[in-house]
Every structure is written in structure tokens, then in C-alpha cells.
Amino acid sequence: SEQIKKSEVQYRSMLNKASDIIYRINTELDFIYVNPATEEILGYHSQEILKKKITDIIREDFKGQIIQKLNKQIQENINSSYSEFPILTKQG
């Protein structure tokens, strides 16, 4: 319907204009979507990021904690969440 299309356009616009990293990963922890801010913050083009796992950008001392949280989300079928953790950019 027209209302659904309008809602989808608004949602995509919001994702594209967000200044925070917004991403989707699959159950293998591979990136499957990143918004433009993710590219800008990490310093990678989206095609480069989409070849990575989220674990590739998590600082080593936080990996265990974040992987545990992500695996719990997957097991409990939680579709979205909010997390803050140190990341590694293309420059390190």
C-alpha cells in the first residue's frame, strides 16, 4: 500500500541521515547492512565493511563481552539492541 511505501521511505531516510553507526549482522556475525555514518566513522567503503564480521572491528579487550551479548541475542531471537563499545577504524 501507499502508506507502507511512505513509511519505508521515511525509515530509510532516517537511517541514511543518522550520525550513529547503525548496522545489521547475520547469525554468523557478518555485516549485512551498514548506514552511511558507519562508512564515515570506520573509514571503510560499505563494500569493504560488508566483507567483514562485527568481531573484526571490536577492540580486543571487549570482544568476549560483546560476542557473548550478540550470541545471547541470536539465541533469544532479539532483533535489535543498543550497545556501545570501542571500535577499530581502518586506521586502527
PDB file of N, CA and C in Angstrom:
ATOM      1  N   SER A   1       0.832  -1.191   0.000  1.00  0.00           N
ATOM      2  CA  SER A   1       0.000   0.000   0.000  1.00  0.00           C
ATOM      3  C   SER A   1       0.874   1.251   0.000  1.00  0.00           C
ATOM      4  N   GLU A   2       0.261   2.359  -0.289  1.00  0.00           N
ATOM      5  CA  GLU A   2       0.970   3.643  -0.355  1.00  0.00           C
ATOM      6  C   GLU A   2       1.520   4.044   1.015  1.00  0.00           C
ATOM      7  N   GLN A   3       0.784   3.761   2.056  1.00  0.00           N
ATOM      8  CA  GLN A   3       1.225   4.119   3.408  1.00  0.00           C
ATOM      9  C   GLN A   3       2.475   3.333   3.803  1.00  0.00           C
ATOM     10  N   ILE A   4       2.536   2.077   3.425  1.00  0.00           N
ATOM     11  CA  ILE A   4       3.711   1.250   3.721  1.00  0.00           C
ATOM     12  C   ILE A   4       4.925   1.784   2.975  1.00  0.00           C
ATOM     13  N   LYS A   5       4.756   2.124   1.705  1.00  0.00           N
ATOM     14  CA  LYS A   5       5.860   2.676   0.914  1.00  0.00           C
ATOM     15  C   LYS A   5       6.370   3.974   1.532  1.00  0.00           C
ATOM     16  N   LYS A   6       5.446   4.824   1.961  1.00  0.00           N
ATOM     17  CA  LYS A   6       5.826   6.097   2.573  1.00  0.00           C
ATOM     18  C   LYS A   6       6.606   5.852   3.859  1.00  0.00           C
ATOM     19  N   SER A   7       6.156   4.898   4.647  1.00  0.00           N
ATOM     20  CA  SER A   7       6.827   4.551   5.890  1.00  0.00           C
ATOM     21  C   SER A   7       8.238   4.011   5.625  1.00  0.00           C
ATOM     22  N   GLU A   8       8.392   3.183   4.601  1.00  0.00           N
ATOM     23  CA  GLU A   8       9.706   2.643   4.243  1.00  0.00           C
ATOM     24  C   GLU A   8      10.658   3.745   3.807  1.00  0.00           C
ATOM     25  N   VAL A   9      10.168   4.695   3.045  1.00  0.00           N
ATOM     26  CA  VAL A   9      10.986   5.817   2.595  1.00  0.00           C
ATOM     27  C   VAL A   9      11.447   6.636   3.799  1.00  0.00           C
ATOM     28  N   GLN A  10      10.555   6.892   4.738  1.00  0.00           N
ATOM     29  CA  GLN A  10      10.908   7.646   5.941  1.00  0.00           C
ATOM     30  C   GLN A  10      11.941   6.892   6.774  1.00  0.00           C
ATOM     31  N   TYR A  11      11.785   5.593   6.892  1.00  0.00           N
ATOM     32  CA  TYR A  11      12.717   4.755   7.658  1.00  0.00           C
ATOM     33  C   TYR A  11      14.102   4.792   7.028  1.00  0.00           C
ATOM     34  N   ARG A  12      14.174   4.602   5.712  1.00  0.00           N
ATOM     35  CA  ARG A  12      15.468   4.639   5.014  1.00  0.00           C
ATOM     36  C   ARG A  12      16.123   6.022   5.137  1.00  0.00           C
ATOM     37  N   SER A  13      15.333   7.047   5.048  1.00  0.00           N
ATOM     38  CA  SER A  13      15.855   8.403   5.184  1.00  0.00           C
ATOM     39  C   SER A  13      16.453   8.608   6.571  1.00  0.00           C
ATOM     40  N   MET A  14      15.760   8.120   7.594  1.00  0.00           N
ATOM     41  CA  MET A  14      16.249   8.235   8.962  1.00  0.00           C
ATOM     42  C   MET A  14      17.586   7.506   9.119  1.00  0.00           C
ATOM     43  N   LEU A  15      17.679   6.281   8.576  1.00  0.00           N
ATOM     44  CA  LEU A  15      18.926   5.518   8.659  1.00  0.00           C
ATOM     45  C   LEU A  15      20.060   6.237   7.947  1.00  0.00           C
ATOM     46  N   ASN A  16      19.764   6.779   6.792  1.00  0.00           N
ATOM     47  CA  ASN A  16      20.795   7.442   5.996  1.00  0.00           C
ATOM     48  C   ASN A  16      21.273   8.750   6.598  1.00  0.00           C
ATOM     49  N   LYS A  17      20.430   9.408   7.373  1.00  0.00           N
ATOM     50  CA  LYS A  17      20.787  10.691   7.973  1.00  0.00           C
ATOM     51  C   LYS A  17      21.353  10.552   9.385  1.00  0.00           C
ATOM     52  N   ALA A  18      21.247   9.383   9.987  1.00  0.00           N
ATOM     53  CA  ALA A  18      21.717   9.179  11.363  1.00  0.00           C
ATOM     54  C   ALA A  18      23.224   9.403  11.451  1.00  0.00           C
ATOM     55  N   SER A  19      23.663   9.981  12.550  1.00  0.00           N
ATOM     56  CA  SER A  19      25.100  10.217  12.737  1.00  0.00           C
ATOM     57  C   SER A  19      25.760   9.088  13.528  1.00  0.00           C
ATOM     58  N   ASP A  20      24.980   8.161  14.029  1.00  0.00           N
ATOM     59  CA  ASP A  20      25.496   6.997  14.757  1.00  0.00           C
ATOM     60  C   ASP A  20      25.655   5.807  13.825  1.00  0.00           C
ATOM     61  N   ILE A  21      26.503   4.879  14.237  1.00  0.00           N
ATOM     62  CA  ILE A  21      26.661   3.634  13.496  1.00  0.00           C
ATOM     63  C   ILE A  21      25.389   2.805  13.652  1.00  0.00           C
ATOM     64  N   ILE A  22      24.812   2.416  12.537  1.00  0.00           N
ATOM     65  CA  ILE A  22      23.649   1.535  12.524  1.00  0.00           C
ATOM     66  C   ILE A  22      23.971   0.416  11.546  1.00  0.00           C
ATOM     67  N   TYR A  23      23.796  -0.806  12.004  1.00  0.00           N
ATOM     68  CA  TYR A  23      24.168  -1.951  11.175  1.00  0.00           C
ATOM     69  C   TYR A  23      23.242  -3.122  11.432  1.00  0.00           C
ATOM     70  N   ARG A  24      23.301  -4.090  10.531  1.00  0.00           N
ATOM     71  CA  ARG A  24      22.639  -5.381  10.724  1.00  0.00           C
ATOM     72  C   ARG A  24      23.695  -6.439  10.503  1.00  0.00           C
ATOM     73  N   ILE A  25      23.625  -7.482  11.304  1.00  0.00           N
ATOM     74  CA  ILE A  25      24.512  -8.621  11.138  1.00  0.00           C
ATOM     75  C   ILE A  25      23.662  -9.880  11.054  1.00  0.00           C
ATOM     76  N   ASN A  26      24.234 -10.925  10.485  1.00  0.00           N
ATOM     77  CA  ASN A  26      23.521 -12.203  10.440  1.00  0.00           C
ATOM     78  C   ASN A  26      23.960 -13.070  11.623  1.00  0.00           C
ATOM     79  N   THR A  27      23.478 -14.293  11.670  1.00  0.00           N
ATOM     80  CA  THR A  27      23.793 -15.175  12.808  1.00  0.00           C
ATOM     81  C   THR A  27      25.258 -15.605  12.826  1.00  0.00           C
ATOM     82  N   GLU A  28      25.966 -15.380  11.727  1.00  0.00           N
ATOM     83  CA  GLU A  28      27.402 -15.682  11.671  1.00  0.00           C
ATOM     84  C   GLU A  28      28.241 -14.450  12.047  1.00  0.00           C
ATOM     85  N   LEU A  29      27.552 -13.386  12.447  1.00  0.00           N
ATOM     86  CA  LEU A  29      28.151 -12.114  12.847  1.00  0.00           C
ATOM     87  C   LEU A  29      28.765 -11.332  11.681  1.00  0.00           C
ATOM     88  N   ASP A  30      28.356 -11.681  10.452  1.00  0.00           N
ATOM     89  CA  ASP A  30      28.772 -10.937   9.257  1.00  0.00           C
ATOM     90  C   ASP A  30      27.898  -9.694   9.118  1.00  0.00           C
ATOM     91  N   PHE A  31      28.515  -8.577   8.737  1.00  0.00           N
ATOM     92  CA  PHE A  31      27.723  -7.397   8.420  1.00  0.00           C
ATOM     93  C   PHE A  31      26.876  -7.683   7.185  1.00  0.00           C
ATOM     94  N   ILE A  32      25.603  -7.296   7.236  1.00  0.00           N
ATOM     95  CA  ILE A  32      24.744  -7.408   6.062  1.00  0.00           C
ATOM     96  C   ILE A  32      24.147  -6.048   5.669  1.00  0.00           C
ATOM     97  N   TYR A  33      24.295  -5.056   6.529  1.00  0.00           N
ATOM     98  CA  TYR A  33      23.866  -3.681   6.225  1.00  0.00           C
ATOM     99  C   TYR A  33      24.663  -2.737   7.108  1.00  0.00           C
ATOM    100  N   VAL A  34      25.091  -1.619   6.546  1.00  0.00           N
ATOM    101  CA  VAL A  34      25.661  -0.518   7.320  1.00  0.00           C
ATOM    102  C   VAL A  34      25.123   0.793   6.762  1.00  0.00           C
ATOM    103  N   ASN A  35      24.866   1.736   7.639  1.00  0.00           N
ATOM    104  CA  ASN A  35      24.399   3.041   7.180  1.00  0.00           C
ATOM    105  C   ASN A  35      25.603   3.910   6.794  1.00  0.00           C
ATOM    106  N   PRO A  36      25.368   5.022   6.114  1.00  0.00           N
ATOM    107  CA  PRO A  36      26.473   5.881   5.677  1.00  0.00           C
ATOM    108  C   PRO A  36      27.382   6.361   6.814  1.00  0.00           C
ATOM    109  N   ALA A  37      26.842   6.600   7.997  1.00  0.00           N
ATOM    110  CA  ALA A  37      27.673   7.042   9.122  1.00  0.00           C
ATOM    111  C   ALA A  37      28.699   5.981   9.490  1.00  0.00           C
ATOM    112  N   THR A  38      28.347   4.713   9.331  1.00  0.00           N
ATOM    113  CA  THR A  38      29.286   3.633   9.629  1.00  0.00           C
ATOM    114  C   THR A  38      30.500   3.738   8.717  1.00  0.00           C
ATOM    115  N   GLU A  39      30.257   3.987   7.450  1.00  0.00           N
ATOM    116  CA  GLU A  39      31.361   4.157   6.499  1.00  0.00           C
ATOM    117  C   GLU A  39      32.252   5.324   6.923  1.00  0.00           C
ATOM    118  N   GLU A  40      31.617   6.445   7.240  1.00  0.00           N
ATOM    119  CA  GLU A  40      32.357   7.651   7.595  1.00  0.00           C
ATOM    120  C   GLU A  40      33.170   7.456   8.879  1.00  0.00           C
ATOM    121  N   ILE A  41      32.583   6.867   9.882  1.00  0.00           N
ATOM    122  CA  ILE A  41      33.247   6.681  11.173  1.00  0.00           C
ATOM    123  C   ILE A  41      34.378   5.654  11.082  1.00  0.00           C
ATOM    124  N   LEU A  42      34.114   4.530  10.416  1.00  0.00           N
ATOM    125  CA  LEU A  42      35.111   3.466  10.338  1.00  0.00           C
ATOM    126  C   LEU A  42      36.193   3.724   9.290  1.00  0.00           C
ATOM    127  N   GLY A  43      35.870   4.523   8.279  1.00  0.00           N
ATOM    128  CA  GLY A  43      36.838   4.811   7.233  1.00  0.00           C
ATOM    129  C   GLY A  43      36.886   3.765   6.128  1.00  0.00           C
ATOM    130  N   TYR A  44      35.918   2.875   6.098  1.00  0.00           N
ATOM    131  CA  TYR A  44      35.820   1.852   5.057  1.00  0.00           C
ATOM    132  C   TYR A  44      34.658   2.188   4.124  1.00  0.00           C
ATOM    133  N   HIS A  45      34.759   1.784   2.864  1.00  0.00           N
ATOM    134  CA  HIS A  45      33.608   1.831   1.971  1.00  0.00           C
ATOM    135  C   HIS A  45      32.664   0.707   2.384  1.00  0.00           C
ATOM    136  N   SER A  46      31.388   0.855   2.113  1.00  0.00           N
ATOM    137  CA  SER A  46      30.412  -0.152   2.549  1.00  0.00           C
ATOM    138  C   SER A  46      30.752  -1.544   2.024  1.00  0.00           C
ATOM    139  N   GLN A  47      31.269  -1.634   0.780  1.00  0.00           N
ATOM    140  CA  GLN A  47      31.616  -2.946   0.237  1.00  0.00           C
ATOM    141  C   GLN A  47      32.719  -3.615   1.043  1.00  0.00           C
ATOM    142  N   GLU A  48      33.634  -2.829   1.599  1.00  0.00           N
ATOM    143  CA  GLU A  48      34.693  -3.382   2.449  1.00  0.00           C
ATOM    144  C   GLU A  48      34.113  -3.878   3.773  1.00  0.00           C
ATOM    145  N   ILE A  49      33.239  -3.079   4.361  1.00  0.00           N
ATOM    146  CA  ILE A  49      32.639  -3.451   5.653  1.00  0.00           C
ATOM    147  C   ILE A  49      31.792  -4.706   5.500  1.00  0.00           C
ATOM    148  N   LEU A  50      31.054  -4.797   4.407  1.00  0.00           N
ATOM    149  CA  LEU A  50      30.157  -5.929   4.211  1.00  0.00           C
ATOM    150  C   LEU A  50      30.909  -7.243   3.980  1.00  0.00           C
ATOM    151  N   LYS A  51      32.211  -7.188   3.855  1.00  0.00           N
ATOM    152  CA  LYS A  51      33.037  -8.401   3.762  1.00  0.00           C
ATOM    153  C   LYS A  51      33.618  -8.783   5.125  1.00  0.00           C
ATOM    154  N   LYS A  52      33.277  -8.010   6.155  1.00  0.00           N
ATOM    155  CA  LYS A  52      33.825  -8.220   7.491  1.00  0.00           C
ATOM    156  C   LYS A  52      32.773  -8.781   8.447  1.00  0.00           C
ATOM    157  N   LYS A  53      33.267  -9.306   9.546  1.00  0.00           N
ATOM    158  CA  LYS A  53      32.426  -9.684  10.673  1.00  0.00           C
ATOM    159  C   LYS A  53      32.475  -8.537  11.683  1.00  0.00           C
ATOM    160  N   ILE A  54      31.464  -8.428  12.502  1.00  0.00           N
ATOM    161  CA  ILE A  54      31.479  -7.372  13.505  1.00  0.00           C
ATOM    162  C   ILE A  54      32.669  -7.537  14.445  1.00  0.00           C
ATOM    163  N   THR A  55      33.088  -8.773  14.659  1.00  0.00           N
ATOM    164  CA  THR A  55      34.231  -9.019  15.545  1.00  0.00           C
ATOM    165  C   THR A  55      35.523  -8.407  15.005  1.00  0.00           C
ATOM    166  N   ASP A  56      35.574  -8.130  13.705  1.00  0.00           N
ATOM    167  CA  ASP A  56      36.763  -7.509  13.105  1.00  0.00           C
ATOM    168  C   ASP A  56      36.950  -6.064  13.545  1.00  0.00           C
ATOM    169  N   ILE A  57      35.888  -5.422  14.004  1.00  0.00           N
ATOM    170  CA  ILE A  57      36.005  -4.006  14.366  1.00  0.00           C
ATOM    171  C   ILE A  57      35.899  -3.769  15.876  1.00  0.00           C
ATOM    172  N   ILE A  58      35.732  -4.825  16.659  1.00  0.00           N
ATOM    173  CA  ILE A  58      35.627  -4.675  18.118  1.00  0.00           C
ATOM    174  C   ILE A  58      37.027  -4.729  18.714  1.00  0.00           C
ATOM    175  N   ARG A  59      37.335  -3.777  19.578  1.00  0.00           N
ATOM    176  CA  ARG A  59      38.636  -3.785  20.236  1.00  0.00           C
ATOM    177  C   ARG A  59      38.808  -5.077  21.022  1.00  0.00           C
ATOM    178  N   GLU A  60      39.994  -5.627  20.985  1.00  0.00           N
ATOM    179  CA  GLU A  60      40.280  -6.960  21.525  1.00  0.00           C
ATOM    180  C   GLU A  60      39.793  -7.151  22.967  1.00  0.00           C
ATOM    181  N   ASP A  61      40.000  -6.164  23.819  1.00  0.00           N
ATOM    182  CA  ASP A  61      39.633  -6.307  25.225  1.00  0.00           C
ATOM    183  C   ASP A  61      38.123  -6.279  25.463  1.00  0.00           C
ATOM    184  N   PHE A  62      37.322  -6.026  24.431  1.00  0.00           N
ATOM    185  CA  PHE A  62      35.864  -6.033  24.552  1.00  0.00           C
ATOM    186  C   PHE A  62      35.212  -7.172  23.778  1.00  0.00           C
ATOM    187  N   LYS A  63      35.994  -7.891  22.954  1.00  0.00           N
ATOM    188  CA  LYS A  63      35.425  -8.910  22.073  1.00  0.00           C
ATOM    189  C   LYS A  63      34.622  -9.967  22.813  1.00  0.00           C
ATOM    190  N   GLY A  64      35.177 -10.558  23.859  1.00  0.00           N
ATOM    191  CA  GLY A  64      34.485 -11.629  24.579  1.00  0.00           C
ATOM    192  C   GLY A  64      33.129 -11.183  25.084  1.00  0.00           C
ATOM    193  N   GLN A  65      33.088 -10.032  25.711  1.00  0.00           N
ATOM    194  CA  GLN A  65      31.846  -9.479  26.273  1.00  0.00           C
ATOM    195  C   GLN A  65      30.811  -9.229  25.187  1.00  0.00           C
ATOM    196  N   ILE A  66      31.225  -8.624  24.089  1.00  0.00           N
ATOM    197  CA  ILE A  66      30.281  -8.288  23.017  1.00  0.00           C
ATOM    198  C   ILE A  66      29.818  -9.537  22.280  1.00  0.00           C
ATOM    199  N   ILE A  67      30.727 -10.465  22.013  1.00  0.00           N
ATOM    200  CA  ILE A  67      30.341 -11.712  21.345  1.00  0.00           C
ATOM    201  C   ILE A  67      29.329 -12.469  22.195  1.00  0.00           C
ATOM    202  N   GLN A  68      29.545 -12.504  23.490  1.00  0.00           N
ATOM    203  CA  GLN A  68      28.594 -13.170  24.391  1.00  0.00           C
ATOM    204  C   GLN A  68      27.215 -12.510  24.303  1.00  0.00           C
ATOM    205  N   LYS A  69      27.187 -11.189  24.298  1.00  0.00           N
ATOM    206  CA  LYS A  69      25.916 -10.465  24.201  1.00  0.00           C
ATOM    207  C   LYS A  69      25.231 -10.747  22.860  1.00  0.00           C
ATOM    208  N   LEU A  70      26.000 -10.710  21.774  1.00  0.00           N
ATOM    209  CA  LEU A  70      25.426 -10.958  20.452  1.00  0.00           C
ATOM    210  C   LEU A  70      24.895 -12.381  20.332  1.00  0.00           C
ATOM    211  N   ASN A  71      25.643 -13.351  20.836  1.00  0.00           N
ATOM    212  CA  ASN A  71      25.183 -14.742  20.783  1.00  0.00           C
ATOM    213  C   ASN A  71      23.902 -14.935  21.588  1.00  0.00           C
ATOM    214  N   LYS A  72      23.794 -14.247  22.723  1.00  0.00           N
ATOM    215  CA  LYS A  72      22.573 -14.318  23.527  1.00  0.00           C
ATOM    216  C   LYS A  72      21.388 -13.741  22.744  1.00  0.00           C
ATOM    217  N   GLN A  73      21.619 -12.617  22.065  1.00  0.00           N
ATOM    218  CA  GLN A  73      20.565 -12.015  21.244  1.00  0.00           C
ATOM    219  C   GLN A  73      20.107 -12.986  20.162  1.00  0.00           C
ATOM    220  N   ILE A  74      21.064 -13.643  19.521  1.00  0.00           N
ATOM    221  CA  ILE A  74      20.732 -14.597  18.465  1.00  0.00           C
ATOM    222  C   ILE A  74      19.923 -15.752  19.038  1.00  0.00           C
ATOM    223  N   GLN A  75      20.369 -16.311  20.157  1.00  0.00           N
ATOM    224  CA  GLN A  75      19.673 -17.439  20.784  1.00  0.00           C
ATOM    225  C   GLN A  75      18.260 -17.073  21.215  1.00  0.00           C
ATOM    226  N   GLU A  76      18.091 -15.853  21.699  1.00  0.00           N
ATOM    227  CA  GLU A  76      16.784 -15.409  22.199  1.00  0.00           C
ATOM    228  C   GLU A  76      15.964 -14.709  21.121  1.00  0.00           C
ATOM    229  N   ASN A  77      16.482 -14.697  19.900  1.00  0.00           N
ATOM    230  CA  ASN A  77      15.783 -14.104  18.757  1.00  0.00           C
ATOM    231  C   ASN A  77      15.410 -12.637  18.993  1.00  0.00           C
ATOM    232  N   ILE A  78      16.356 -11.891  19.553  1.00  0.00           N
ATOM    233  CA  ILE A  78      16.177 -10.454  19.774  1.00  0.00           C
ATOM    234  C   ILE A  78      16.666  -9.747  18.518  1.00  0.00           C
ATOM    235  N   ASN A  79      15.784  -9.033  17.846  1.00  0.00           N
ATOM    236  CA  ASN A  79      16.093  -8.462  16.539  1.00  0.00           C
ATOM    237  C   ASN A  79      16.875  -7.163  16.565  1.00  0.00           C
ATOM    238  N   SER A  80      16.824  -6.433  17.659  1.00  0.00           N
ATOM    239  CA  SER A  80      17.566  -5.179  17.702  1.00  0.00           C
ATOM    240  C   SER A  80      18.002  -4.884  19.126  1.00  0.00           C
ATOM    241  N   SER A  81      19.065  -4.112  19.223  1.00  0.00           N
ATOM    242  CA  SER A  81      19.565  -3.722  20.537  1.00  0.00           C
ATOM    243  C   SER A  81      20.435  -2.487  20.377  1.00  0.00           C
ATOM    244  N   TYR A  82      20.894  -1.997  21.493  1.00  0.00           N
ATOM    245  CA  TYR A  82      21.783  -0.848  21.515  1.00  0.00           C
ATOM    246  C   TYR A  82      22.999  -1.224  22.344  1.00  0.00           C
ATOM    247  N   SER A  83      24.170  -1.024  21.794  1.00  0.00           N
ATOM    248  CA  SER A  83      25.412  -1.305  22.519  1.00  0.00           C
ATOM    249  C   SER A  83      26.442  -0.241  22.192  1.00  0.00           C
ATOM    250  N   GLU A  84      27.249   0.078  23.179  1.00  0.00           N
ATOM    251  CA  GLU A  84      28.397   0.944  22.945  1.00  0.00           C
ATOM    252  C   GLU A  84      29.636   0.157  23.308  1.00  0.00           C
ATOM    253  N   PHE A  85      30.627   0.193  22.414  1.00  0.00           N
ATOM    254  CA  PHE A  85      31.889  -0.483  22.678  1.00  0.00           C
ATOM    255  C   PHE A  85      32.964   0.141  21.802  1.00  0.00           C
ATOM    256  N   PRO A  86      34.216   0.050  22.233  1.00  0.00           N
ATOM    257  CA  PRO A  86      35.310   0.615  21.429  1.00  0.00           C
ATOM    258  C   PRO A  86      35.452  -0.134  20.115  1.00  0.00           C
ATOM    259  N   ILE A  87      35.657   0.622  19.032  1.00  0.00           N
ATOM    260  CA  ILE A  87      35.788   0.012  17.709  1.00  0.00           C
ATOM    261  C   ILE A  87      37.159   0.325  17.121  1.00  0.00           C
ATOM    262  N   LEU A  88      37.520  -0.468  16.146  1.00  0.00           N
ATOM    263  CA  LEU A  88      38.741  -0.260  15.401  1.00  0.00           C
ATOM    264  C   LEU A  88      38.386   0.298  14.025  1.00  0.00           C
ATOM    265  N   THR A  89      38.924   1.452  13.716  1.00  0.00           N
ATOM    266  CA  THR A  89      38.689   2.038  12.399  1.00  0.00           C
ATOM    267  C   THR A  89      39.704   1.475  11.411  1.00  0.00           C
ATOM    268  N   LYS A  90      39.585   1.849  10.171  1.00  0.00           N
ATOM    269  CA  LYS A  90      40.528   1.397   9.148  1.00  0.00           C
ATOM    270  C   LYS A  90      41.955   1.828   9.517  1.00  0.00           C
ATOM    271  N   GLN A  91      42.068   2.978  10.160  1.00  0.00           N
ATOM    272  CA  GLN A  91      43.385   3.489  10.580  1.00  0.00           C
ATOM    273  C   GLN A  91      43.866   2.839  11.869  1.00  0.00           C
ATOM    274  N   GLY A  92      43.025   2.034  12.498  1.00  0.00           N
ATOM    275  CA  GLY A  92      43.414   1.376  13.750  1.00  0.00           C
ATOM    276  C   GLY A  92      42.729   2.026  14.901  1.00  0.00           C
TER     277      GLY A  92
END
